[in-house]
Amino acid sequence: MTTAVRDGRRVTYRPRMNPAERARTAARLREEYEQGSSVRGVADRAGLSYGTAYRLLRSAGTTLRDRAGRLPRAPATS
């Protein structure tokens, strides 16, 4: 992790991954996801945000499952 100062506040951020590291991480996340883990679970274990894990899974060609517990859309009314 790297520290920077923004707007007078100290913030910590993860440095960008190089292309080789990104590909290895994406492959590892895909394997774990395809074994049944959720996107959030994969992200937490890898120390990544949900959005980053989601993008890495998509870049690895992962077919994502439907979200569990999502409510059906209400029919449109005219």
C-alpha atoms as a PDB file:
ATOM      1  CA  MET A   1       0.000   0.000   0.000  1.00  0.00           C
ATOM      2  CA  THR A   2       1.121   3.518  -0.730  1.00  0.00           C
ATOM      3  CA  THR A   3       0.303   6.676   1.175  1.00  0.00           C
ATOM      4  CA  ALA A   4      -0.458  10.052  -0.385  1.00  0.00           C
ATOM      5  CA  VAL A   5      -1.835  13.372   0.810  1.00  0.00           C
ATOM      6  CA  ARG A   6      -5.012  14.634  -0.840  1.00  0.00           C
ATOM      7  CA  ASP A   7      -6.878  17.724   0.297  1.00  0.00           C
ATOM      8  CA  GLY A   8      -4.690  17.839   3.386  1.00  0.00           C
ATOM      9  CA  ARG A   9      -5.655  14.266   4.367  1.00  0.00           C
ATOM     10  CA  ARG A  10      -3.486  11.193   4.320  1.00  0.00           C
ATOM     11  CA  VAL A  11      -4.959   8.436   2.117  1.00  0.00           C
ATOM     12  CA  THR A  12      -3.795   4.916   1.407  1.00  0.00           C
ATOM     13  CA  TYR A  13      -4.215   3.347  -1.978  1.00  0.00           C
ATOM     14  CA  ARG A  14      -3.157   0.198  -3.770  1.00  0.00           C
ATOM     15  CA  PRO A  15      -0.632   0.776  -6.563  1.00  0.00           C
ATOM     16  CA  ARG A  16      -1.657  -0.291 -10.056  1.00  0.00           C
ATOM     17  CA  MET A  17      -0.940  -3.868 -11.049  1.00  0.00           C
ATOM     18  CA  ASN A  18       1.354  -4.477 -13.991  1.00  0.00           C
ATOM     19  CA  PRO A  19      -0.194  -6.487 -16.863  1.00  0.00           C
ATOM     20  CA  ALA A  20       1.388  -9.810 -15.828  1.00  0.00           C
ATOM     21  CA  GLU A  21       0.294  -9.442 -12.196  1.00  0.00           C
ATOM     22  CA  ARG A  22      -3.185  -8.391 -13.342  1.00  0.00           C
ATOM     23  CA  ALA A  23      -3.523 -11.508 -15.534  1.00  0.00           C
ATOM     24  CA  ARG A  24      -2.334 -13.827 -12.722  1.00  0.00           C
ATOM     25  CA  THR A  25      -4.720 -12.212 -10.228  1.00  0.00           C
ATOM     26  CA  ALA A  26      -7.630 -12.393 -12.685  1.00  0.00           C
ATOM     27  CA  ALA A  27      -6.980 -16.100 -13.309  1.00  0.00           C
ATOM     28  CA  ARG A  28      -6.795 -16.808  -9.562  1.00  0.00           C
ATOM     29  CA  LEU A  29     -10.017 -14.884  -8.893  1.00  0.00           C
ATOM     30  CA  ARG A  30     -11.773 -16.688 -11.750  1.00  0.00           C
ATOM     31  CA  GLU A  31     -10.780 -20.099 -10.398  1.00  0.00           C
ATOM     32  CA  GLU A  32     -12.019 -19.207  -6.916  1.00  0.00           C
ATOM     33  CA  TYR A  33     -15.273 -17.711  -8.266  1.00  0.00           C
ATOM     34  CA  GLU A  34     -15.975 -20.755 -10.432  1.00  0.00           C
ATOM     35  CA  GLN A  35     -15.554 -22.969  -7.361  1.00  0.00           C
ATOM     36  CA  GLY A  36     -18.554 -21.222  -5.817  1.00  0.00           C
ATOM     37  CA  SER A  37     -17.306 -18.070  -4.083  1.00  0.00           C
ATOM     38  CA  SER A  38     -19.183 -14.805  -4.506  1.00  0.00           C
ATOM     39  CA  VAL A  39     -17.650 -11.737  -6.150  1.00  0.00           C
ATOM     40  CA  ARG A  40     -17.640 -10.030  -2.755  1.00  0.00           C
ATOM     41  CA  GLY A  41     -15.980 -13.040  -1.096  1.00  0.00           C
ATOM     42  CA  VAL A  42     -13.307 -13.219  -3.781  1.00  0.00           C
ATOM     43  CA  ALA A  43     -12.690  -9.472  -3.454  1.00  0.00           C
ATOM     44  CA  ASP A  44     -12.405  -9.619   0.343  1.00  0.00           C
ATOM     45  CA  ARG A  45      -9.931 -12.508   0.292  1.00  0.00           C
ATOM     46  CA  ALA A  46      -7.796 -10.784  -2.347  1.00  0.00           C
ATOM     47  CA  GLY A  47      -7.863  -7.437  -0.536  1.00  0.00           C
ATOM     48  CA  LEU A  48      -9.550  -5.732  -3.489  1.00  0.00           C
ATOM     49  CA  SER A  49     -12.652  -3.615  -3.867  1.00  0.00           C
ATOM     50  CA  TYR A  50     -15.798  -5.226  -5.251  1.00  0.00           C
ATOM     51  CA  GLY A  51     -15.487  -3.172  -8.450  1.00  0.00           C
ATOM     52  CA  THR A  52     -11.876  -4.173  -9.065  1.00  0.00           C
ATOM     53  CA  ALA A  53     -12.633  -7.856  -8.481  1.00  0.00           C
ATOM     54  CA  TYR A  54     -15.665  -7.621 -10.796  1.00  0.00           C
ATOM     55  CA  ARG A  55     -13.577  -6.009 -13.576  1.00  0.00           C
ATOM     56  CA  LEU A  56     -10.819  -8.605 -13.182  1.00  0.00           C
ATOM     57  CA  LEU A  57     -13.332 -11.453 -13.363  1.00  0.00           C
ATOM     58  CA  ARG A  58     -14.860  -9.964 -16.520  1.00  0.00           C
ATOM     59  CA  SER A  59     -11.427  -9.447 -18.100  1.00  0.00           C
ATOM     60  CA  ALA A  60     -10.631 -13.121 -17.401  1.00  0.00           C
ATOM     61  CA  GLY A  61     -13.707 -14.138 -19.423  1.00  0.00           C
ATOM     62  CA  THR A  62     -15.688 -15.342 -16.416  1.00  0.00           C
ATOM     63  CA  THR A  63     -19.388 -15.991 -16.929  1.00  0.00           C
ATOM     64  CA  LEU A  64     -20.931 -14.381 -13.887  1.00  0.00           C
ATOM     65  CA  ARG A  65     -23.863 -15.943 -12.066  1.00  0.00           C
ATOM     66  CA  ASP A  66     -27.114 -14.063 -11.461  1.00  0.00           C
ATOM     67  CA  ARG A  67     -27.171 -12.134  -8.226  1.00  0.00           C
ATOM     68  CA  ALA A  68     -28.893 -14.078  -5.455  1.00  0.00           C
ATOM     69  CA  GLY A  69     -31.784 -12.420  -3.723  1.00  0.00           C
ATOM     70  CA  ARG A  70     -32.374  -9.806  -6.385  1.00  0.00           C
ATOM     71  CA  LEU A  71     -36.001  -8.737  -6.418  1.00  0.00           C
ATOM     72  CA  PRO A  72     -37.891  -8.994  -9.695  1.00  0.00           C
ATOM     73  CA  ARG A  73     -38.652  -5.717 -11.440  1.00  0.00           C
ATOM     74  CA  ALA A  74     -42.094  -4.261 -10.976  1.00  0.00           C
ATOM     75  CA  PRO A  75     -44.081  -4.204 -14.216  1.00  0.00           C
ATOM     76  CA  ALA A  76     -44.117  -0.871 -15.998  1.00  0.00           C
ATOM     77  CA  THR A  77     -47.350   1.028 -15.631  1.00  0.00           C
ATOM     78  CA  SER A  78     -48.724   3.292 -18.334  1.00  0.00           C
END
